[in-house]
Amino acid sequence: MINELLQQARTDAPSVTALAADLIRIPSRGGIDDYEPVLAAIEDWLKPRGLRHRRLHSPDGKAVAILIEVTGDRPGPVWVLDACLDTAPFGDETAWSFSPTAGDVSNGFLRGRGAADSKTAAAMFCHIAAAISRQSDQLAGNLAVLLDVDEHTGNFGGAMALMTAIAPAAIAGAMIGYPGHEEVVIGGRGVFRARLHVHGSAGHSGSSKPNTANAVSRAARLVTALEDLPLPAPVTGGFPLPPKLTITEMHSGEGFTAVPDHAVVGVDVRLTDALDAQDAKGLIRKASAQLDADFPAPRATEIEAVLSWPPYRLASTDQPAAALFAGAEAAGISAQPKVAGPSNIGNLLATHKIRTTAGFGLPYAGLHSTDERVALSALPAIQAAYHHAILALLTE
């Protein structure tokens, strides 16, 4: 079977590349650009090919994904392929050696923001859906291809809309097309994010009276205390990565003459089996209470929890990981299992008991950085590996 799938992928490669290039030329930075043009471009590709699809919307009515559905003739579970259509910001465009929206091929690389994460995967999954639809009479179960936006914002609106469109209990597993051909990501650290509201006493910076409760100064002390917190080491035989705490934002003040009475500190904690969300919140609460005791202010520091997802990890023998490893091996790729440091949509899906792989794709450079690009030479093998995996899962 793999030889036929590789041949199919080689035949598809120019079309996959053309669709991905078209998508890259449409700016779709998360939280910055209008998503309508990139969603419409996908729909324009799907309609003439007769693939059943629909838009998914957030509770406030915004379009957050396109869902392609292929239904097998026999009953069975739903397996999901997912790739995002929104992207990271461009950053300093003057640092790029080509346009972030180049969408061209140079020296075997498809170039531009989203080439790696994850417009090439989106184009590839569209072609897999088209191929699967031609043999639906042989399948038990359904294929759902989720092409989501609102992913790089961290809101994961498309993935959450999927949970409304399809009952989570019906979804057996998902494979996310993040890039990188040497590993299949089978887990990720969880995350606890919070904003800390640090208070103080307002005043004039030129006053002859001392101000002992400057919110910015108090926030700076809290940042130092948080960064000095000891975190537990990995548990032997448990999650392979340690927890991590990072200060990700700090802002306050409105000018030179006013002593600020409020500062905000953003904290991102990556969770493992050694440090869960309650533990993380407890550490932050303890550091905040110590600040309030040592450097009193009119109001105690407040912790605003923003979101939390637990860590997750599959075994290599769990589906759909096992099918993807088998597909990669059949296509001539020796991929290793990996647990990722960053959190991903797999953490969200894990809260619904949906087993997820979160990374296997083209070799890449410049992810979330300058000169993002992917090597197209690996495209047929990567596509065949996913196609092989989906067929195996839908014919079990």
Protein backbone atom coordinates (compact mmCIF):
# COMPACT_ATOMS: atom_id res chain seq x y z
CA MET A 1 0.00 0.00 0.00
CA ILE A 2 2.75 2.46 0.85
CA ASN A 3 4.08 2.55 -2.71
CA GLU A 4 0.67 3.63 -4.00
CA LEU A 5 0.41 6.28 -1.27
CA LEU A 6 3.88 7.61 -2.04
CA GLN A 7 3.00 7.83 -5.72
CA GLN A 8 -0.23 9.62 -4.86
CA ALA A 9 1.71 12.07 -2.68
CA ARG A 10 4.26 12.73 -5.43
CA THR A 11 1.41 13.42 -7.83
CA ASP A 12 -0.21 15.74 -5.28
CA ALA A 13 3.01 17.58 -4.38
CA PRO A 14 2.72 20.44 -6.93
CA SER A 15 -0.91 21.03 -5.93
CA VAL A 16 -0.11 20.88 -2.20
CA THR A 17 2.72 23.34 -2.71
CA ALA A 18 0.54 25.69 -4.76
CA LEU A 19 -2.24 25.70 -2.16
CA ALA A 20 0.19 26.22 0.70
CA ALA A 21 1.87 29.06 -1.21
CA ASP A 22 -1.50 30.71 -1.79
CA LEU A 23 -2.26 30.49 1.92
CA ILE A 24 1.14 31.90 2.90
CA ARG A 25 0.55 34.93 0.69
CA ILE A 26 -2.52 35.77 2.78
CA PRO A 27 -1.50 37.37 6.10
CA SER A 28 -3.36 35.64 8.93
CA ARG A 29 -1.42 36.52 12.06
CA GLY A 30 -3.25 35.42 15.20
CA GLY A 31 -5.08 38.32 16.79
CA ILE A 32 -3.83 40.78 14.17
CA ASP A 33 -5.21 40.00 10.71
CA ASP A 34 -8.73 39.31 9.47
CA TYR A 35 -9.14 35.54 9.06
CA GLU A 36 -11.85 35.81 6.40
CA PRO A 37 -9.46 35.82 3.37
CA VAL A 38 -7.57 32.68 4.43
CA LEU A 39 -10.78 30.82 5.31
CA ALA A 40 -12.28 31.82 1.95
CA ALA A 41 -9.17 30.58 0.12
CA ILE A 42 -9.59 27.12 1.66
CA GLU A 43 -13.28 27.08 0.79
CA ASP A 44 -12.47 28.04 -2.81
CA TRP A 45 -10.22 24.98 -3.01
CA LEU A 46 -12.70 22.61 -1.35
CA LYS A 47 -15.88 23.52 -3.23
CA PRO A 48 -14.95 22.33 -6.75
CA ARG A 49 -13.66 19.06 -5.29
CA GLY A 50 -16.98 18.28 -3.66
CA LEU A 51 -15.58 17.91 -0.15
CA ARG A 52 -18.20 18.39 2.53
CA HIS A 53 -17.17 21.21 4.82
CA ARG A 54 -18.55 23.87 7.12
CA ARG A 55 -17.37 26.77 9.20
CA LEU A 56 -17.20 26.53 12.96
CA HIS A 57 -17.88 29.58 15.11
CA SER A 58 -17.01 30.75 18.59
CA PRO A 59 -19.79 31.53 21.08
CA ASP A 60 -19.67 35.20 20.00
CA GLY A 61 -20.25 34.23 16.36
CA LYS A 62 -16.72 34.62 14.97
CA ALA A 63 -15.51 32.06 12.41
CA VAL A 64 -12.73 30.08 14.07
CA ALA A 65 -12.27 27.03 11.80
CA ILE A 66 -13.24 25.10 8.72
CA LEU A 67 -14.22 21.49 9.34
CA ILE A 68 -13.95 18.99 6.47
CA GLU A 69 -15.86 15.75 7.03
CA VAL A 70 -15.45 12.43 5.20
CA THR A 71 -17.91 9.74 6.25
CA GLY A 72 -17.12 6.06 5.88
CA ASP A 73 -19.80 3.58 4.77
CA ARG A 74 -19.52 1.62 8.02
CA PRO A 75 -19.90 3.02 11.54
CA GLY A 76 -16.84 3.78 13.58
CA PRO A 77 -15.07 6.51 15.52
CA VAL A 78 -14.01 9.93 14.30
CA TRP A 79 -10.30 10.54 13.71
CA VAL A 80 -9.13 14.14 13.40
CA LEU A 81 -6.36 15.77 11.40
CA ASP A 82 -5.69 19.33 12.57
CA ALA A 83 -3.59 22.19 11.20
CA CYS A 84 -3.87 25.88 11.96
CA LEU A 85 -4.38 28.58 9.35
CA ASP A 86 -3.42 31.48 11.56
CA THR A 87 0.24 32.23 12.21
CA ALA A 88 2.70 33.84 14.56
CA PRO A 89 3.42 37.56 14.03
CA PHE A 90 6.07 38.58 11.49
CA GLY A 91 8.35 40.21 14.04
CA ASP A 92 10.94 42.60 12.62
CA GLU A 93 10.23 42.40 8.89
CA THR A 94 13.54 44.14 8.08
CA ALA A 95 15.34 41.11 9.56
CA TRP A 96 13.79 38.76 6.98
CA SER A 97 15.80 38.01 3.84
CA PHE A 98 12.53 37.59 1.93
CA SER A 99 8.97 38.79 2.45
CA PRO A 100 7.06 37.07 5.27
CA THR A 101 4.26 36.57 2.73
CA ALA A 102 6.57 35.41 -0.07
CA GLY A 103 4.81 32.11 -0.68
CA ASP A 104 7.52 31.10 -3.14
CA VAL A 105 9.92 28.19 -3.59
CA SER A 106 13.66 28.78 -3.48
CA ASN A 107 16.34 26.06 -3.39
CA GLY A 108 13.74 23.47 -2.50
CA PHE A 109 12.22 25.48 0.37
CA LEU A 110 8.70 26.89 0.52
CA ARG A 111 9.13 30.26 2.19
CA GLY A 112 7.05 32.57 4.33
CA ARG A 113 5.23 32.86 7.63
CA GLY A 114 3.06 29.80 8.13
CA ALA A 115 5.08 27.55 5.84
CA ALA A 116 6.05 25.46 8.86
CA ASP A 117 3.28 26.32 11.31
CA SER A 118 1.09 25.14 9.73
CA LYS A 119 -0.23 26.13 6.29
CA THR A 120 1.72 23.43 4.45
CA ALA A 121 0.17 20.82 6.74
CA ALA A 122 -3.26 22.34 6.10
CA ALA A 123 -2.75 22.01 2.34
CA MET A 124 -1.49 18.45 2.75
CA PHE A 125 -4.44 17.45 4.93
CA CYS A 126 -6.88 18.87 2.36
CA HIS A 127 -5.35 16.58 -0.26
CA ILE A 128 -5.48 13.58 2.10
CA ALA A 129 -9.17 14.31 2.71
CA ALA A 130 -9.78 14.41 -1.04
CA ALA A 131 -8.05 11.05 -1.49
CA ILE A 132 -9.84 9.45 1.48
CA SER A 133 -13.21 10.65 0.18
CA ARG A 134 -12.67 8.62 -3.01
CA GLN A 135 -12.53 5.39 -1.01
CA SER A 136 -15.13 6.11 1.67
CA ASP A 137 -16.94 2.87 0.80
CA GLN A 138 -13.99 0.97 2.30
CA LEU A 139 -13.92 2.85 5.59
CA ALA A 140 -15.32 2.28 9.07
CA GLY A 141 -15.67 5.62 10.81
CA ASN A 142 -15.16 9.23 9.82
CA LEU A 143 -12.29 11.57 9.06
CA ALA A 144 -12.57 15.15 10.30
CA VAL A 145 -10.01 17.70 9.11
CA LEU A 146 -9.95 20.76 11.35
CA LEU A 147 -8.33 23.85 9.83
CA ASP A 148 -8.44 26.29 12.69
CA VAL A 149 -7.70 29.92 13.35
CA ASP A 150 -7.49 31.60 16.78
CA GLU A 151 -4.72 29.11 17.58
CA HIS A 152 -1.70 31.41 17.85
CA THR A 153 -3.64 33.69 20.16
CA GLY A 154 -3.56 30.84 22.68
CA ASN A 155 -7.36 30.81 22.75
CA PHE A 156 -7.62 27.60 20.69
CA GLY A 157 -11.06 28.73 19.55
CA GLY A 158 -11.18 26.32 16.61
CA ALA A 159 -10.37 23.29 18.75
CA MET A 160 -12.98 24.30 21.32
CA ALA A 161 -15.56 24.78 18.55
CA LEU A 162 -14.79 21.23 17.38
CA MET A 163 -15.94 19.98 20.78
CA THR A 164 -19.31 21.56 20.09
CA ALA A 165 -19.54 20.40 16.47
CA ILE A 166 -18.66 16.77 17.28
CA ALA A 167 -19.31 15.11 20.62
CA PRO A 168 -15.90 14.54 22.24
CA ALA A 169 -16.91 10.97 23.12
CA ALA A 170 -17.16 10.21 19.39
CA ILE A 171 -13.60 11.36 18.69
CA ALA A 172 -11.08 8.56 19.12
CA GLY A 173 -7.98 10.69 18.57
CA ALA A 174 -6.33 13.52 16.70
CA MET A 175 -3.08 14.22 14.86
CA ILE A 176 -1.84 17.81 14.66
CA GLY A 177 0.38 18.74 11.74
CA TYR A 178 3.02 20.78 13.53
CA PRO A 179 6.38 20.57 11.71
CA GLY A 180 9.45 18.42 12.30
CA HIS A 181 10.16 15.06 10.68
CA GLU A 182 12.50 13.47 13.21
CA GLU A 183 9.96 13.11 16.02
CA VAL A 184 6.33 12.39 16.69
CA VAL A 185 5.23 14.54 19.61
CA ILE A 186 3.19 12.37 21.96
CA GLY A 187 2.80 14.74 24.88
CA GLY A 188 3.37 18.19 26.25
CA ARG A 189 3.78 20.02 29.51
CA GLY A 190 0.63 21.56 30.87
CA VAL A 191 0.22 25.24 31.60
CA PHE A 192 -1.11 27.54 34.31
CA ARG A 193 -1.30 31.20 33.39
CA ALA A 194 -2.17 34.03 35.73
CA ARG A 195 -2.04 37.80 35.96
CA LEU A 196 -1.01 39.19 39.32
CA HIS A 197 -2.50 42.54 40.28
CA VAL A 198 -0.01 44.30 42.54
CA HIS A 199 -1.29 47.39 44.35
CA GLY A 200 0.32 50.46 45.83
CA SER A 201 -0.34 54.04 46.89
CA ALA A 202 -0.69 56.74 44.25
CA GLY A 203 1.30 59.93 44.64
CA HIS A 204 3.43 62.57 42.96
CA SER A 205 6.92 61.51 42.02
CA GLY A 206 8.24 64.89 43.14
CA SER A 207 6.62 64.81 46.57
CA SER A 208 8.84 65.49 49.58
CA LYS A 209 7.12 62.62 51.38
CA PRO A 210 8.44 59.09 50.83
CA ASN A 211 6.24 56.61 49.02
CA THR A 212 6.79 53.16 50.45
CA ALA A 213 4.12 51.42 48.33
CA ASN A 214 5.05 52.09 44.70
CA ALA A 215 3.20 49.40 42.73
CA VAL A 216 5.99 49.09 40.16
CA SER A 217 8.65 48.63 42.85
CA ARG A 218 6.49 46.08 44.63
CA ALA A 219 5.86 44.23 41.37
CA ALA A 220 9.59 44.15 40.65
CA ARG A 221 10.22 42.57 44.05
CA LEU A 222 7.52 39.99 43.36
CA VAL A 223 9.04 39.17 39.97
CA THR A 224 12.41 38.53 41.61
CA ALA A 225 10.78 36.35 44.27
CA LEU A 226 8.89 34.32 41.68
CA GLU A 227 11.96 33.77 39.53
CA ASP A 228 13.87 32.55 42.59
CA LEU A 229 11.22 29.99 43.53
CA PRO A 230 12.58 26.42 43.65
CA LEU A 231 10.56 24.09 41.45
CA PRO A 232 10.46 20.30 41.82
CA ALA A 233 12.68 18.11 39.69
CA PRO A 234 11.22 15.45 37.34
CA VAL A 235 9.97 12.33 39.06
CA THR A 236 11.91 9.19 38.17
CA GLY A 237 9.94 7.28 35.56
CA GLY A 238 7.47 10.12 35.23
CA PHE A 239 7.17 13.15 32.98
CA PRO A 240 10.59 13.64 31.37
CA LEU A 241 10.69 17.46 31.58
CA PRO A 242 10.81 19.71 34.65
CA PRO A 243 8.21 22.36 35.41
CA LYS A 244 9.09 25.92 34.47
CA LEU A 245 7.99 29.40 35.59
CA THR A 246 8.38 32.42 33.31
CA ILE A 247 7.43 36.07 33.77
CA THR A 248 5.86 37.02 30.45
CA GLU A 249 4.50 40.52 30.99
CA MET A 250 4.76 43.48 33.35
CA HIS A 251 3.14 46.84 32.89
CA SER A 252 2.15 49.84 34.97
CA GLY A 253 2.27 53.58 35.17
CA GLU A 254 0.99 56.48 33.12
CA GLY A 255 3.81 59.01 33.08
CA PHE A 256 6.85 60.38 34.91
CA THR A 257 5.06 62.44 37.54
CA ALA A 258 2.64 59.86 38.94
CA VAL A 259 3.57 57.08 41.34
CA PRO A 260 1.49 54.10 40.11
CA ASP A 261 -0.95 52.37 42.41
CA HIS A 262 -1.45 49.27 40.23
CA ALA A 263 0.88 46.97 38.31
CA VAL A 264 0.17 43.77 36.41
CA VAL A 265 2.57 40.83 36.22
CA GLY A 266 1.90 37.93 33.82
CA VAL A 267 3.13 34.50 34.88
CA ASP A 268 3.31 31.37 32.72
CA VAL A 269 3.96 28.10 34.57
CA ARG A 270 4.56 24.87 32.63
CA LEU A 271 3.14 21.93 34.53
CA THR A 272 4.18 18.29 34.91
CA ASP A 273 3.26 15.42 37.19
CA ALA A 274 5.60 17.02 39.73
CA LEU A 275 3.79 20.38 39.75
CA ASP A 276 0.08 20.70 38.97
CA ALA A 277 -2.06 23.82 38.65
CA GLN A 278 -3.00 23.89 42.33
CA ASP A 279 0.67 23.59 43.31
CA ALA A 280 1.60 26.41 40.92
CA LYS A 281 -1.13 28.68 42.23
CA GLY A 282 -0.05 27.86 45.79
CA LEU A 283 3.55 28.88 45.09
CA ILE A 284 2.42 32.14 43.52
CA ARG A 285 0.02 32.84 46.40
CA LYS A 286 2.77 32.22 48.95
CA ALA A 287 5.20 34.58 47.18
CA SER A 288 2.47 37.23 46.90
CA ALA A 289 1.57 36.92 50.59
CA GLN A 290 5.23 37.29 51.54
CA LEU A 291 5.47 40.47 49.47
CA ASP A 292 2.37 41.89 51.15
CA ALA A 293 3.80 41.06 54.59
CA ASP A 294 7.25 42.51 53.95
CA PHE A 295 6.15 45.54 51.91
CA PRO A 296 2.57 46.39 52.88
CA ALA A 297 0.18 48.16 50.54
CA PRO A 298 -3.44 49.36 50.86
CA ARG A 299 -4.65 46.20 49.06
CA ALA A 300 -3.37 42.66 48.97
CA THR A 301 -1.97 41.23 45.74
CA GLU A 302 -4.66 39.50 43.69
CA ILE A 303 -4.20 36.41 41.52
CA GLU A 304 -6.31 36.34 38.35
CA ALA A 305 -6.18 32.82 36.92
CA VAL A 306 -6.35 33.01 33.09
CA LEU A 307 -6.26 29.38 31.98
CA SER A 308 -4.98 25.98 32.94
CA TRP A 309 -4.45 22.72 31.08
CA PRO A 310 -2.88 19.58 32.51
CA PRO A 311 0.17 17.87 31.03
CA TYR A 312 -0.46 14.83 28.86
CA ARG A 313 1.55 11.97 27.45
CA LEU A 314 0.69 9.00 25.25
CA ALA A 315 2.53 5.72 25.01
CA SER A 316 4.00 5.00 21.59
CA THR A 317 1.61 2.07 21.40
CA ASP A 318 -1.48 4.23 21.97
CA GLN A 319 -3.55 5.25 18.98
CA PRO A 320 -3.23 7.38 16.96
CA ALA A 321 0.49 7.53 17.82
CA ALA A 322 1.06 3.87 16.90
CA ALA A 323 -0.56 4.34 13.48
CA LEU A 324 1.53 7.44 12.78
CA PHE A 325 4.77 5.72 13.80
CA ALA A 326 3.85 2.81 11.53
CA GLY A 327 3.03 5.17 8.67
CA ALA A 328 6.31 7.03 9.10
CA GLU A 329 8.29 3.78 9.15
CA ALA A 330 6.50 2.51 6.05
CA ALA A 331 7.36 5.80 4.29
CA GLY A 332 11.03 5.41 5.21
CA ILE A 333 11.16 7.85 8.14
CA SER A 334 12.60 6.79 11.49
CA ALA A 335 10.77 9.13 13.89
CA GLN A 336 11.31 9.09 17.65
CA PRO A 337 8.69 9.81 20.32
CA LYS A 338 8.99 13.18 22.03
CA VAL A 339 7.28 15.00 24.87
CA ALA A 340 7.30 18.70 24.05
CA GLY A 341 8.15 21.55 26.37
CA PRO A 342 5.43 23.88 25.05
CA SER A 343 1.78 23.16 25.58
CA ASN A 344 -0.39 22.61 22.52
CA ILE A 345 -3.92 21.80 21.42
CA GLY A 346 -3.25 18.25 22.59
CA ASN A 347 -3.43 19.52 26.20
CA LEU A 348 -6.88 20.95 25.55
CA LEU A 349 -8.06 17.78 23.80
CA ALA A 350 -6.65 15.67 26.63
CA THR A 351 -9.14 17.32 29.00
CA HIS A 352 -11.81 15.68 26.81
CA LYS A 353 -9.98 12.33 26.86
CA ILE A 354 -8.96 12.67 23.21
CA ARG A 355 -5.53 11.16 22.54
CA THR A 356 -3.44 13.45 20.39
CA THR A 357 -0.12 13.60 18.60
CA ALA A 358 1.13 17.15 18.22
CA GLY A 359 3.93 17.26 15.77
CA PHE A 360 5.16 15.36 12.75
CA GLY A 361 5.72 17.28 9.57
CA LEU A 362 8.21 18.78 7.16
CA PRO A 363 11.77 19.76 8.12
CA TYR A 364 11.74 23.46 8.89
CA ALA A 365 13.63 26.58 9.91
CA GLY A 366 12.56 29.93 11.32
CA LEU A 367 9.57 28.71 13.29
CA HIS A 368 8.02 31.79 14.97
CA SER A 369 11.20 33.57 13.89
CA THR A 370 12.68 35.17 10.77
CA ASP A 371 12.85 33.42 7.39
CA GLU A 372 10.34 30.67 8.14
CA ARG A 373 10.51 27.89 5.55
CA VAL A 374 10.04 24.15 4.99
CA ALA A 375 11.96 21.63 2.90
CA LEU A 376 9.66 20.27 0.21
CA SER A 377 11.79 17.21 -0.53
CA ALA A 378 10.18 15.42 2.43
CA LEU A 379 6.60 16.29 1.44
CA PRO A 380 5.67 13.01 -0.32
CA ALA A 381 6.94 10.84 2.53
CA ILE A 382 5.22 12.95 5.23
CA GLN A 383 1.93 12.97 3.33
CA ALA A 384 2.10 9.21 2.70
CA ALA A 385 2.81 8.58 6.39
CA TYR A 386 -0.33 10.48 7.47
CA HIS A 387 -2.40 8.90 4.69
CA HIS A 388 -1.20 5.44 5.75
CA ALA A 389 -2.06 6.20 9.39
CA ILE A 390 -5.58 7.41 8.60
CA LEU A 391 -6.33 4.40 6.41
CA ALA A 392 -5.10 2.07 9.12
CA LEU A 393 -7.27 3.77 11.75
CA LEU A 394 -10.35 3.79 9.53
CA THR A 395 -10.03 0.14 8.52
CA GLU A 396 -9.21 -1.40 11.90
